[in-house]
Amino acid sequence: MAYQALYRKYRPLDFTNVVGQEAVVKTLKNALENSKTSHAYMFSGPRGTGKTTIAKILAKTINCLDPHDGICCGKCKNCLSIASNECTDIIEIDAASNNGVDEIREIRNKINLVPSELKYKVYIIDEVHMLSIGAFNALLKTLEEPPEHVVFILATTDPHKVPITIISRCQCFEFKRISDAEIIDRLAYVCKQENIEIEEAVLQKIAKISEGGMRDALGILDKAASYCNDKITLSDFNQINGLVDYEYKEQFLDFIYQKDVVQLLQKIDDLYQSGKDLIVFIQDIMELLRDKMIRFYTKKEESYPINFIISLIHELNQLLVDCKNVNSVKVLLETSLLGFINGNVDSKRETDSPVTHEPKVVPLTSIPSQKVDIVQPVKPEKVEVKKEEEKSIANPEKLVSKEAEEDPKWLENYFRVCDAVVNNTFASAKKEYLLFIKEKFQQLNDFVLDRSYGAAACYLIDSQVRAAGERFMIVTCNYESVLERGTKLLYVMEELIEKITGHRYKIAIITNQMWEEEKKKFIARKNSGEKYELQEVPEMILPNVTTTEVENSSSDDIVHQAIALFGEDIVKIQ
């Protein structure tokens, strides 16, 4: 007999051998025990998770002459006929290659014919999302009211591409990815049956690479077994699949950390010359860094400073995004890592402070400028405080007293400014302005750990930019409480946006509900031909904080709070 691939040889023949889909199996078994089978099923989920396998088991079980507890006997003539693929009443259709109207019409023309040997005629349509619109329409009526002797089982990896009219006529089951532990157990069982010697580390690696697909895992094992006549080692496995050893990745990280440019470039060139997939290698390095970061926070193990790990993860993640638009991944990898070690991080072990990236100031070269008179807010008077030694910067929000927070005049003053900024945003709004701002907002992640701008960066990341003019923008949040918190960070946010864009913007923070109302007003005015005109922006005055209040607080923290909120140039320290 010809050799049979492992994923075919060890395909489950009944529900008892199915791995990783307990919920689906239990539901189908209970339905079969209680004679509540449906006329149409839809199985959806990732590849290799058992959709077609369970479809065949279900087709066998509903036609079994002697089932027990929802399990087919596997011995009757119907079970044997189906298992040998000789039964004409089980029809498998690959929708990827038979996706036209004619194929579905042929099903509809033959569907009224009674089964030749089984109780039910079962149509298994694999990759059903590949059917054309015409084919779906042809299937619709048949699927809704099929004859009693017909059962449809549809399988797909992309259920969102299937029309809702088809889905609503089926009993739907969602298949999950199979866990690594379940894949390892199954692979170990197969290895034992096939007398394959394999290291435990290889089984773990296969489970990780297969991404929850049992078919992929068995296929990878099959290839490894063909390569190695003796024991399958991790080194052999990496050689087969073009992967890199753990020690190699550790050396690569060390060269980045030590800023050893010569050795680093040599490592990259070795990878390239040996035909390794550099994108897969970058992903492996990110996973290694992720593991190190988790060990740092859970077990307090420090192989590298945490700021170095986080910064390098961000750099490699951006590198993967950029790889989609370049011809040479090798050149991009080299230039990105050289730029990282030479300018973007201080990798000395003694330094463990959060990394901050200072972005370059990029002018709006592609955006036409307009002359807009912007009234700058009046800075508050100097606050004189006494200080003995400097400590870390605290949250600038704490500088605003509780009485000031409850003062309705504070928010009234803010909304007067906000109305003017909203008006000016609509008056000068253009799509290219909005796209420019959204692109620059990607740099906010670099400031999340920054002591001066961290709170403002987090606030802006959680918000949404709705519209932007030449020097104005509208930012929305979900709740009024979040809005009020944003008003206390307004100056810091405007400074941060100036850092990442090179231009000073006035920001209006409003809730999503307010935005919908403003949008309706804008549409109504536009339809009526009424235009927005630029207007003067009122002064924005912070709540008063007296010297006494400041001195009564923790003096060391207040100094830094004052600097964070007002700026060093107006805070006089004695």
Protein backbone atom coordinates (compact mmCIF):
# COMPACT_ATOMS: atom_id res chain seq x y z
CA MET A 1 0.00 0.00 0.00
CA ALA A 2 1.22 3.52 -0.83
CA TYR A 3 2.45 5.74 2.01
CA GLN A 4 -0.31 7.78 3.63
CA ALA A 5 0.37 11.21 5.11
CA LEU A 6 0.10 11.37 8.90
CA TYR A 7 -2.69 13.93 8.90
CA ARG A 8 -4.79 11.54 6.76
CA LYS A 9 -3.77 8.38 8.57
CA TYR A 10 -4.64 9.77 12.00
CA ARG A 11 -7.79 11.65 11.01
CA PRO A 12 -10.48 10.84 13.65
CA LEU A 13 -13.11 8.34 12.53
CA ASP A 14 -15.67 9.17 15.24
CA PHE A 15 -16.36 11.81 17.87
CA THR A 16 -14.32 10.05 20.58
CA ASN A 17 -11.01 10.82 18.83
CA VAL A 18 -11.65 14.49 18.03
CA VAL A 19 -9.15 16.78 19.78
CA GLY A 20 -9.78 20.32 20.99
CA GLN A 21 -13.43 20.84 19.96
CA GLU A 22 -15.27 19.60 23.04
CA ALA A 23 -18.16 22.08 22.83
CA VAL A 24 -18.92 21.28 19.19
CA VAL A 25 -18.69 17.53 19.76
CA LYS A 26 -20.88 17.58 22.85
CA THR A 27 -23.60 19.61 21.12
CA LEU A 28 -23.68 17.37 18.05
CA LYS A 29 -23.68 14.16 20.13
CA ASN A 30 -26.59 15.38 22.25
CA ALA A 31 -28.53 16.38 19.13
CA LEU A 32 -27.95 12.93 17.59
CA GLU A 33 -28.97 11.12 20.79
CA ASN A 34 -32.22 13.09 20.94
CA SER A 35 -32.89 12.85 17.18
CA LYS A 36 -32.70 16.64 16.76
CA THR A 37 -30.47 16.85 13.74
CA SER A 38 -30.75 19.99 11.62
CA HIS A 39 -31.14 20.13 7.85
CA ALA A 40 -28.18 22.54 7.50
CA TYR A 41 -25.00 23.17 9.49
CA MET A 42 -22.22 25.71 9.13
CA PHE A 43 -18.77 25.02 10.58
CA SER A 44 -16.44 28.02 10.74
CA GLY A 45 -12.98 28.49 12.20
CA PRO A 46 -9.23 28.54 11.44
CA ARG A 47 -7.66 26.07 9.06
CA GLY A 48 -6.79 22.59 10.27
CA THR A 49 -9.05 22.63 13.32
CA GLY A 50 -11.33 19.76 12.26
CA LYS A 51 -14.22 21.29 10.30
CA THR A 52 -14.19 18.84 7.38
CA THR A 53 -13.30 15.93 9.66
CA ILE A 54 -16.28 16.52 11.94
CA ALA A 55 -18.50 17.04 8.88
CA LYS A 56 -17.56 13.54 7.67
CA ILE A 57 -18.06 12.08 11.15
CA LEU A 58 -21.48 13.73 11.38
CA ALA A 59 -22.43 12.37 7.93
CA LYS A 60 -21.38 8.88 9.05
CA THR A 61 -23.13 9.06 12.42
CA ILE A 62 -26.55 10.19 11.14
CA ASN A 63 -26.49 7.28 8.67
CA CYS A 64 -25.12 4.65 11.10
CA LEU A 65 -27.39 1.63 11.56
CA ASP A 66 -26.33 1.02 15.18
CA PRO A 67 -25.21 4.25 16.91
CA HIS A 68 -24.55 4.40 20.67
CA ASP A 69 -24.64 7.64 22.68
CA GLY A 70 -24.19 9.71 19.53
CA ILE A 71 -21.20 7.62 18.38
CA CYS A 72 -21.24 5.65 15.14
CA CYS A 73 -20.48 1.94 15.40
CA GLY A 74 -17.94 1.92 12.56
CA LYS A 75 -18.86 -1.69 11.69
CA CYS A 76 -22.17 -1.55 9.87
CA LYS A 77 -22.32 -1.51 6.07
CA ASN A 78 -23.13 2.21 6.00
CA CYS A 79 -20.13 3.12 8.17
CA LEU A 80 -17.80 0.92 6.16
CA SER A 81 -19.10 2.32 2.87
CA ILE A 82 -18.60 5.91 4.00
CA ALA A 83 -15.16 5.19 5.50
CA SER A 84 -13.96 3.70 2.22
CA ASN A 85 -15.20 6.73 0.24
CA GLU A 86 -17.32 4.44 -1.94
CA CYS A 87 -20.71 5.85 -0.95
CA THR A 88 -22.42 8.00 -3.61
CA ASP A 89 -24.81 9.58 -1.09
CA ILE A 90 -22.01 11.58 0.61
CA ILE A 91 -21.15 14.39 -1.82
CA GLU A 92 -18.11 16.57 -1.10
CA ILE A 93 -17.84 19.80 -3.08
CA ASP A 94 -14.86 22.13 -3.11
CA ALA A 95 -16.44 25.57 -3.51
CA ALA A 96 -13.05 27.09 -4.38
CA SER A 97 -13.04 25.31 -7.74
CA ASN A 98 -16.81 24.75 -8.15
CA ASN A 99 -18.12 28.18 -7.29
CA GLY A 100 -20.43 28.90 -10.22
CA VAL A 101 -24.19 28.95 -10.55
CA ASP A 102 -24.24 25.84 -12.74
CA GLU A 103 -22.74 23.62 -10.05
CA ILE A 104 -25.34 24.72 -7.48
CA ARG A 105 -28.16 24.33 -10.00
CA GLU A 106 -27.01 20.78 -10.61
CA ILE A 107 -27.32 20.11 -6.88
CA ARG A 108 -30.80 21.61 -6.90
CA ASN A 109 -31.87 19.44 -9.84
CA LYS A 110 -30.68 16.21 -8.17
CA ILE A 111 -31.65 17.00 -4.61
CA ASN A 112 -35.11 15.46 -4.84
CA LEU A 113 -33.67 12.06 -5.76
CA VAL A 114 -33.78 9.75 -2.75
CA PRO A 115 -30.49 8.31 -1.42
CA SER A 116 -29.37 5.12 -3.14
CA GLU A 117 -28.17 3.27 -0.01
CA LEU A 118 -28.20 5.60 3.04
CA LYS A 119 -30.93 7.23 5.09
CA TYR A 120 -29.65 10.76 4.39
CA LYS A 121 -27.95 12.29 1.39
CA VAL A 122 -25.27 14.64 2.78
CA TYR A 123 -23.74 17.55 0.86
CA ILE A 124 -20.44 18.78 2.37
CA ILE A 125 -19.48 22.11 0.77
CA ASP A 126 -15.94 23.09 1.76
CA GLU A 127 -14.72 26.72 1.60
CA VAL A 128 -18.31 27.81 1.00
CA HIS A 129 -17.33 31.50 1.17
CA MET A 130 -15.75 31.09 -2.29
CA LEU A 131 -19.15 30.70 -3.98
CA SER A 132 -20.21 33.51 -6.27
CA ILE A 133 -23.21 35.71 -5.49
CA GLY A 134 -25.22 33.92 -8.15
CA ALA A 135 -24.33 30.57 -6.64
CA PHE A 136 -25.38 31.73 -3.16
CA ASN A 137 -28.71 32.91 -4.57
CA ALA A 138 -29.21 29.56 -6.28
CA LEU A 139 -28.44 27.74 -3.01
CA LEU A 140 -30.67 29.94 -0.86
CA LYS A 141 -34.10 28.42 -1.53
CA THR A 142 -32.79 24.86 -1.51
CA LEU A 143 -31.02 25.45 1.80
CA GLU A 144 -34.16 26.90 3.37
CA GLU A 145 -36.54 24.05 2.53
CA PRO A 146 -34.57 20.94 1.51
CA PRO A 147 -36.21 17.49 1.29
CA GLU A 148 -36.26 15.47 4.50
CA HIS A 149 -33.61 13.08 3.21
CA VAL A 150 -30.99 15.82 2.62
CA VAL A 151 -28.50 17.43 5.04
CA PHE A 152 -26.17 20.30 4.12
CA ILE A 153 -22.86 20.87 5.94
CA LEU A 154 -21.05 24.06 4.99
CA ALA A 155 -17.45 24.67 6.07
CA THR A 156 -15.55 27.95 5.85
CA THR A 157 -12.53 29.79 7.23
CA ASP A 158 -14.11 33.20 6.46
CA PRO A 159 -17.71 33.27 7.73
CA HIS A 160 -17.93 37.04 7.30
CA LYS A 161 -17.82 36.49 3.51
CA VAL A 162 -20.93 34.30 3.61
CA PRO A 163 -24.24 36.18 3.11
CA ILE A 164 -26.26 36.54 6.27
CA THR A 165 -29.25 35.01 4.48
CA ILE A 166 -27.28 31.75 4.18
CA ILE A 167 -25.97 31.86 7.75
CA SER A 168 -29.45 32.42 9.21
CA ARG A 169 -30.68 29.18 7.63
CA CYS A 170 -27.93 27.08 9.21
CA GLN A 171 -27.09 25.84 12.69
CA CYS A 172 -23.69 27.48 13.18
CA PHE A 173 -20.69 26.10 15.06
CA GLU A 174 -17.50 28.07 15.63
CA PHE A 175 -14.32 26.00 15.86
CA LYS A 176 -11.52 27.26 18.10
CA ARG A 177 -7.78 26.94 17.70
CA ILE A 178 -6.46 23.79 19.34
CA SER A 179 -4.29 24.50 22.37
CA ASP A 180 -0.55 23.80 22.35
CA ALA A 181 -0.92 21.24 25.13
CA GLU A 182 -3.54 19.26 23.17
CA ILE A 183 -1.42 19.37 20.00
CA ILE A 184 1.65 18.16 21.92
CA ASP A 185 -0.31 15.26 23.45
CA ARG A 186 -1.64 14.22 20.05
CA LEU A 187 1.80 14.48 18.40
CA ALA A 188 3.33 12.40 21.19
CA TYR A 189 0.66 9.74 20.61
CA VAL A 190 1.35 9.70 16.86
CA CYS A 191 5.12 9.47 17.44
CA LYS A 192 4.60 6.53 19.75
CA GLN A 193 2.44 4.74 17.19
CA GLU A 194 4.93 5.43 14.38
CA ASN A 195 8.05 4.69 16.49
CA ILE A 196 9.38 8.21 15.94
CA GLU A 197 11.96 9.45 18.46
CA ILE A 198 11.62 13.18 19.03
CA GLU A 199 12.73 15.75 21.60
CA GLU A 200 10.10 17.42 23.75
CA ALA A 201 11.38 20.82 22.63
CA VAL A 202 10.58 19.90 19.01
CA LEU A 203 7.00 19.02 19.91
CA GLN A 204 6.62 22.38 21.63
CA LYS A 205 8.08 24.14 18.60
CA ILE A 206 5.72 22.34 16.22
CA ALA A 207 2.71 23.26 18.38
CA LYS A 208 3.78 26.90 18.36
CA ILE A 209 4.38 27.07 14.60
CA SER A 210 1.11 25.31 13.71
CA GLU A 211 -0.89 28.14 15.36
CA GLY A 212 -3.66 25.89 16.65
CA GLY A 213 -4.04 23.75 13.50
CA MET A 214 -3.75 20.00 14.05
CA ARG A 215 -3.42 19.27 10.33
CA ASP A 216 -0.49 21.68 10.03
CA ALA A 217 1.15 20.16 13.11
CA LEU A 218 0.94 16.62 11.73
CA GLY A 219 2.23 17.82 8.36
CA ILE A 220 5.27 19.45 9.99
CA LEU A 221 5.93 16.29 12.01
CA ASP A 222 5.67 14.22 8.83
CA LYS A 223 8.32 16.36 7.12
CA ALA A 224 10.65 16.20 10.14
CA ALA A 225 10.29 12.41 10.34
CA SER A 226 11.23 12.11 6.66
CA TYR A 227 14.39 14.17 7.22
CA CYS A 228 15.67 12.35 10.30
CA ASN A 229 16.05 8.59 10.36
CA ASP A 230 17.13 8.68 14.01
CA LYS A 231 15.94 11.00 16.75
CA ILE A 232 14.48 14.35 15.69
CA THR A 233 16.44 17.06 17.49
CA LEU A 234 15.69 20.76 17.78
CA SER A 235 18.76 21.57 15.69
CA ASP A 236 17.54 19.29 12.88
CA PHE A 237 14.07 20.79 13.08
CA ASN A 238 15.41 24.35 12.80
CA GLN A 239 17.53 23.30 9.82
CA ILE A 240 14.53 21.82 8.02
CA ASN A 241 12.23 24.80 8.58
CA GLY A 242 14.77 27.61 8.14
CA LEU A 243 14.56 28.65 11.79
CA VAL A 244 17.30 30.02 14.04
CA ASP A 245 18.61 28.48 17.28
CA TYR A 246 17.95 30.12 20.63
CA GLU A 247 21.65 30.76 21.19
CA TYR A 248 21.90 32.57 17.85
CA LYS A 249 19.03 34.89 18.80
CA GLU A 250 20.60 35.57 22.20
CA GLN A 251 23.88 36.55 20.50
CA PHE A 252 21.96 38.78 18.10
CA LEU A 253 20.34 40.64 21.04
CA ASP A 254 23.70 40.96 22.79
CA PHE A 255 25.24 42.62 19.73
CA ILE A 256 22.38 45.13 19.63
CA TYR A 257 22.70 45.81 23.35
CA GLN A 258 26.50 46.17 23.22
CA LYS A 259 26.26 48.31 20.04
CA ASP A 260 28.61 45.94 18.25
CA VAL A 261 27.82 47.09 14.71
CA VAL A 262 30.35 44.86 12.93
CA GLN A 263 29.16 41.62 14.54
CA LEU A 264 25.51 42.64 14.16
CA LEU A 265 25.86 43.25 10.41
CA GLN A 266 27.73 39.98 10.06
CA LYS A 267 24.90 38.10 11.78
CA ILE A 268 22.32 39.66 9.46
CA ASP A 269 24.43 38.81 6.42
CA ASP A 270 24.81 35.20 7.61
CA LEU A 271 21.05 34.90 7.92
CA TYR A 272 20.56 36.33 4.45
CA GLN A 273 23.20 34.14 2.80
CA SER A 274 21.82 30.99 4.41
CA GLY A 275 18.38 31.71 2.94
CA LYS A 276 16.60 32.34 6.25
CA ASP A 277 13.32 34.26 6.15
CA LEU A 278 14.23 37.58 7.79
CA ILE A 279 10.62 38.44 8.58
CA VAL A 280 10.20 35.16 10.48
CA PHE A 281 13.49 35.89 12.26
CA ILE A 282 12.25 39.36 13.32
CA GLN A 283 9.07 37.78 14.69
CA ASP A 284 11.16 35.24 16.62
CA ILE A 285 13.24 38.04 18.16
CA MET A 286 10.05 39.86 19.21
CA GLU A 287 8.73 36.70 20.87
CA LEU A 288 12.04 36.28 22.70
CA LEU A 289 11.85 39.88 23.92
CA ARG A 290 8.24 39.34 24.96
CA ASP A 291 9.30 36.34 27.06
CA LYS A 292 12.07 38.38 28.69
CA MET A 293 9.65 41.19 29.49
CA ILE A 294 7.18 38.77 31.08
CA ARG A 295 9.94 37.21 33.19
CA PHE A 296 11.03 40.68 34.26
CA TYR A 297 7.57 41.55 35.60
CA THR A 298 6.62 38.12 36.98
CA LYS A 299 9.92 36.66 38.22
CA LYS A 300 12.02 39.84 38.50
CA GLU A 301 14.57 38.33 36.10
CA GLU A 302 16.55 41.03 34.31
CA SER A 303 18.63 39.98 31.31
CA TYR A 304 18.40 43.49 29.80
CA PRO A 305 16.99 46.78 31.12
CA ILE A 306 13.26 46.85 30.65
CA ASN A 307 13.36 50.14 28.75
CA PHE A 308 15.74 48.56 26.22
CA ILE A 309 13.39 45.59 25.73
CA ILE A 310 10.26 47.72 25.30
CA SER A 311 11.94 50.14 22.91
CA LEU A 312 13.36 47.34 20.76
CA ILE A 313 9.94 45.64 20.57
CA HIS A 314 8.42 48.88 19.28
CA GLU A 315 11.24 49.27 16.77
CA LEU A 316 10.87 45.73 15.44
CA ASN A 317 7.10 46.04 15.27
CA GLN A 318 7.41 49.16 13.13
CA LEU A 319 10.01 47.34 11.07
CA LEU A 320 7.52 44.56 10.29
CA VAL A 321 5.00 47.16 9.14
CA ASP A 322 7.59 48.82 6.89
CA CYS A 323 8.65 45.47 5.41
CA LYS A 324 5.43 45.38 3.39
CA ASN A 325 6.56 48.35 1.30
CA VAL A 326 10.21 47.53 0.56
CA ASN A 327 12.03 45.29 -1.87
CA SER A 328 14.98 44.47 0.40
CA VAL A 329 14.09 43.41 3.94
CA LYS A 330 17.81 42.93 4.66
CA VAL A 331 18.66 46.58 3.97
CA LEU A 332 15.70 47.78 6.01
CA LEU A 333 16.66 45.53 8.93
CA GLU A 334 20.25 46.78 8.88
CA THR A 335 19.38 50.47 8.68
CA SER A 336 16.63 50.25 11.32
CA LEU A 337 18.81 48.49 13.88
CA LEU A 338 21.78 50.80 13.24
CA GLY A 339 19.56 53.81 13.71
CA PHE A 340 18.16 52.25 16.88
CA ILE A 341 21.49 51.51 18.58
CA ASN A 342 23.11 54.79 17.52
CA GLY A 343 20.41 57.27 18.33
CA ASN A 344 17.24 56.02 19.92
CA VAL A 345 18.24 54.24 23.13
CA ASP A 346 20.91 54.35 25.78
CA SER A 347 21.65 50.68 26.37
CA LYS A 348 23.89 51.01 29.42
CA ARG A 349 22.91 48.55 32.11
CA GLU A 350 23.12 51.21 34.80
CA THR A 351 20.37 53.24 33.12
CA ASP A 352 16.89 51.99 33.89
CA SER A 353 14.81 55.11 33.29
CA PRO A 354 12.00 55.05 30.73
CA VAL A 355 13.14 55.75 27.18
CA THR A 356 11.81 58.83 25.43
CA HIS A 357 12.08 59.42 21.74
CA GLU A 358 12.41 63.01 20.58
CA PRO A 359 10.70 63.10 17.18
CA LYS A 360 11.92 65.41 14.49
CA VAL A 361 9.89 68.52 13.77
CA VAL A 362 8.30 67.96 10.37
CA PRO A 363 6.76 71.03 8.69
CA LEU A 364 3.47 70.84 6.84
CA THR A 365 5.20 71.09 3.46
CA SER A 366 2.37 69.50 1.54
CA ILE A 367 -0.39 71.49 3.21
CA PRO A 368 -1.26 75.03 2.05
CA SER A 369 -1.01 77.57 4.83
CA GLN A 370 -3.55 80.19 5.74
CA LYS A 371 -3.08 83.25 7.89
CA VAL A 372 -5.05 82.63 11.04
CA ASP A 373 -4.89 84.88 14.08
CA ILE A 374 -4.69 82.69 17.15
CA VAL A 375 -4.98 84.25 20.54
CA GLN A 376 -2.48 82.49 22.78
CA PRO A 377 -3.64 81.77 26.34
CA VAL A 378 -2.38 84.04 29.08
CA LYS A 379 0.17 82.25 31.21
CA PRO A 380 -0.47 82.29 34.96
CA GLU A 381 1.75 84.31 37.27
CA LYS A 382 4.91 82.82 38.70
CA VAL A 383 4.50 80.46 41.60
CA GLU A 384 7.24 80.78 44.19
CA VAL A 385 7.92 77.64 46.21
CA LYS A 386 10.75 76.36 48.35
CA LYS A 387 12.55 73.19 47.39
CA GLU A 388 15.41 71.17 48.87
CA GLU A 389 16.07 68.55 46.23
CA GLU A 390 14.45 67.41 43.01
CA LYS A 391 12.31 64.27 42.76
CA SER A 392 10.32 62.61 39.99
CA ILE A 393 7.56 64.59 38.29
CA ALA A 394 4.12 63.85 39.66
CA ASN A 395 0.72 64.01 37.99
CA PRO A 396 0.06 67.65 36.99
CA GLU A 397 -3.66 67.17 37.58
CA LYS A 398 -3.07 67.16 41.36
CA LEU A 399 -2.04 70.80 41.15
CA VAL A 400 -5.65 71.85 40.61
CA SER A 401 -7.38 72.12 43.96
CA LYS A 402 -10.62 70.33 44.72
CA GLU A 403 -12.46 73.66 45.08
CA ALA A 404 -11.26 74.72 41.64
CA GLU A 405 -12.40 71.44 40.11
CA GLU A 406 -15.89 72.03 41.43
CA ASP A 407 -15.98 75.65 40.25
CA PRO A 408 -18.54 75.82 37.39
CA LYS A 409 -16.82 78.95 36.01
CA TRP A 410 -13.80 76.81 35.13
CA LEU A 411 -15.79 74.62 32.73
CA GLU A 412 -17.82 77.60 31.49
CA ASN A 413 -14.58 79.33 30.55
CA TYR A 414 -13.34 76.17 28.86
CA PHE A 415 -16.50 75.71 26.76
CA ARG A 416 -16.30 79.32 25.54
CA VAL A 417 -12.81 78.54 24.24
CA CYS A 418 -13.99 75.15 22.97
CA ASP A 419 -16.84 76.66 20.92
CA ALA A 420 -14.43 79.02 19.20
CA VAL A 421 -11.94 76.24 18.45
CA VAL A 422 -14.71 74.01 17.05
CA ASN A 423 -15.88 76.87 14.85
CA ASN A 424 -12.36 77.58 13.57
CA THR A 425 -11.73 73.88 12.96
CA PHE A 426 -14.77 73.65 10.71
CA ALA A 427 -13.83 76.94 9.05
CA SER A 428 -10.40 75.66 7.95
CA ALA A 429 -10.94 71.87 7.96
CA LYS A 430 -9.49 69.80 5.15
CA LYS A 431 -9.07 66.07 4.71
CA GLU A 432 -5.29 66.34 4.27
CA TYR A 433 -5.00 68.14 7.63
CA LEU A 434 -6.85 65.27 9.35
CA LEU A 435 -4.71 62.60 7.66
CA PHE A 436 -1.55 64.50 8.64
CA ILE A 437 -2.60 64.63 12.31
CA LYS A 438 -3.61 60.95 12.40
CA GLU A 439 -0.27 59.96 10.91
CA LYS A 440 1.65 62.03 13.46
CA PHE A 441 -0.44 60.63 16.33
CA GLN A 442 1.29 57.28 15.80
CA GLN A 443 4.30 58.87 17.52
CA LEU A 444 2.31 59.26 20.75
CA ASN A 445 3.30 55.72 21.77
CA ASP A 446 6.88 56.98 22.13
CA PHE A 447 5.77 59.34 24.93
CA VAL A 448 3.67 56.94 27.03
CA LEU A 449 6.54 56.40 29.49
CA ASP A 450 7.72 60.03 29.35
CA ARG A 451 7.51 61.68 32.76
CA SER A 452 6.39 65.04 31.42
CA TYR A 453 4.02 63.99 28.66
CA GLY A 454 2.95 60.44 29.62
CA ALA A 455 -0.51 61.38 30.93
CA ALA A 456 -1.24 63.60 27.93
CA ALA A 457 -0.04 60.94 25.48
CA CYS A 458 -2.24 58.25 27.08
CA TYR A 459 -5.23 60.59 27.02
CA LEU A 460 -4.78 61.38 23.31
CA ILE A 461 -4.26 57.70 22.42
CA ASP A 462 -7.57 56.82 24.11
CA SER A 463 -9.33 59.68 22.30
CA GLN A 464 -10.24 60.12 18.64
CA VAL A 465 -9.36 62.98 16.30
CA ARG A 466 -12.55 63.89 14.43
CA ALA A 467 -11.59 66.97 12.41
CA ALA A 468 -8.55 69.19 11.88
CA GLY A 469 -7.99 72.64 10.48
CA GLU A 470 -4.72 74.38 9.78
CA ARG A 471 -3.99 75.03 13.47
CA PHE A 472 -7.13 73.68 15.15
CA MET A 473 -8.48 70.21 15.89
CA ILE A 474 -11.43 68.47 17.53
CA VAL A 475 -10.78 65.48 19.80
CA THR A 476 -13.59 63.37 21.25
CA CYS A 477 -13.91 61.11 24.30
CA ASN A 478 -16.71 58.94 25.66
CA TYR A 479 -17.81 60.59 28.89
CA GLU A 480 -18.04 64.05 30.46
CA SER A 481 -15.84 62.96 33.37
CA VAL A 482 -13.11 62.06 30.88
CA LEU A 483 -13.62 65.43 29.17
CA GLU A 484 -13.13 67.32 32.44
CA ARG A 485 -9.91 65.44 33.09
CA GLY A 486 -8.72 66.39 29.63
CA THR A 487 -9.26 70.08 30.22
CA LYS A 488 -6.65 69.97 33.00
CA LEU A 489 -4.15 68.41 30.60
CA LEU A 490 -4.95 70.77 27.74
CA TYR A 491 -1.71 72.82 27.82
CA VAL A 492 0.42 69.69 28.13
CA MET A 493 -1.40 68.08 25.19
CA GLU A 494 -0.90 71.16 23.03
CA GLU A 495 2.82 71.16 23.83
CA LEU A 496 3.04 67.44 23.04
CA ILE A 497 1.28 67.85 19.70
CA GLU A 498 3.64 70.71 18.88
CA LYS A 499 6.55 68.35 19.55
CA ILE A 500 5.32 65.67 17.16
CA THR A 501 3.98 67.96 14.40
CA GLY A 502 6.18 71.05 14.62
CA HIS A 503 3.12 73.30 14.83
CA ARG A 504 1.06 74.70 17.68
CA TYR A 505 -2.57 73.57 17.61
CA LYS A 506 -5.58 74.66 19.65
CA ILE A 507 -7.54 71.61 20.82
CA ALA A 508 -11.26 71.30 21.49
CA ILE A 509 -12.12 68.25 23.63
CA ILE A 510 -15.77 67.22 23.44
CA THR A 511 -17.76 64.05 24.06
CA ASN A 512 -18.91 61.78 21.25
CA GLN A 513 -22.49 62.92 21.82
CA MET A 514 -21.44 66.56 21.47
CA TRP A 515 -19.57 65.68 18.29
CA GLU A 516 -22.70 64.18 16.73
CA GLU A 517 -24.59 67.39 17.49
CA GLU A 518 -21.80 69.57 16.06
CA LYS A 519 -21.66 67.39 12.96
CA LYS A 520 -25.40 67.81 12.40
CA LYS A 521 -25.02 71.58 12.73
CA PHE A 522 -22.13 71.53 10.25
CA ILE A 523 -24.14 69.53 7.68
CA ALA A 524 -27.18 71.79 8.10
CA ARG A 525 -25.10 74.95 7.62
CA LYS A 526 -23.33 73.44 4.63
CA ASN A 527 -26.64 72.50 2.99
CA SER A 528 -27.99 75.99 3.57
CA GLY A 529 -24.87 77.57 2.08
CA GLU A 530 -23.82 79.21 5.37
CA LYS A 531 -20.05 79.21 5.85
CA TYR A 532 -17.99 79.11 9.02
CA GLU A 533 -15.85 82.20 9.56
CA LEU A 534 -12.66 82.28 11.61
CA GLN A 535 -13.16 84.01 14.95
CA GLU A 536 -11.02 85.11 17.85
CA VAL A 537 -10.35 82.45 20.48
CA PRO A 538 -10.99 83.64 24.08
CA GLU A 539 -8.25 83.38 26.66
CA MET A 540 -7.96 80.11 28.55
CA ILE A 541 -7.30 80.75 32.24
CA LEU A 542 -6.41 77.99 34.66
CA PRO A 543 -8.03 77.84 38.12
CA ASN A 544 -6.15 79.97 40.65
CA VAL A 545 -3.66 78.17 42.88
CA THR A 546 -2.27 80.31 45.68
CA THR A 547 1.22 80.18 47.07
CA THR A 548 -0.14 79.09 50.45
CA GLU A 549 -1.92 76.12 48.95
CA VAL A 550 1.24 75.08 47.18
CA GLU A 551 3.42 75.36 50.29
CA ASN A 552 0.94 73.36 52.33
CA SER A 553 1.36 70.44 49.91
CA SER A 554 4.40 68.21 49.67
CA SER A 555 6.89 70.79 48.46
CA ASP A 556 9.08 68.44 46.46
CA ASP A 557 6.18 66.97 44.48
CA ILE A 558 4.47 70.33 43.97
CA VAL A 559 7.54 71.85 42.33
CA HIS A 560 7.50 69.20 39.67
CA GLN A 561 3.74 69.39 39.35
CA ALA A 562 4.04 73.11 38.76
CA ILE A 563 6.82 72.65 36.18
CA ALA A 564 4.79 70.00 34.38
CA LEU A 565 1.72 72.24 34.23
CA PHE A 566 3.15 75.75 33.77
CA GLY A 567 6.67 75.25 32.41
CA GLU A 568 10.11 75.87 33.90
CA ASP A 569 10.31 79.43 32.59
CA ILE A 570 7.55 80.68 34.92
CA VAL A 571 8.24 78.61 38.05
CA LYS A 572 10.71 80.30 40.34
CA ILE A 573 12.31 77.94 42.88
CA GLN A 574 13.83 79.27 46.09
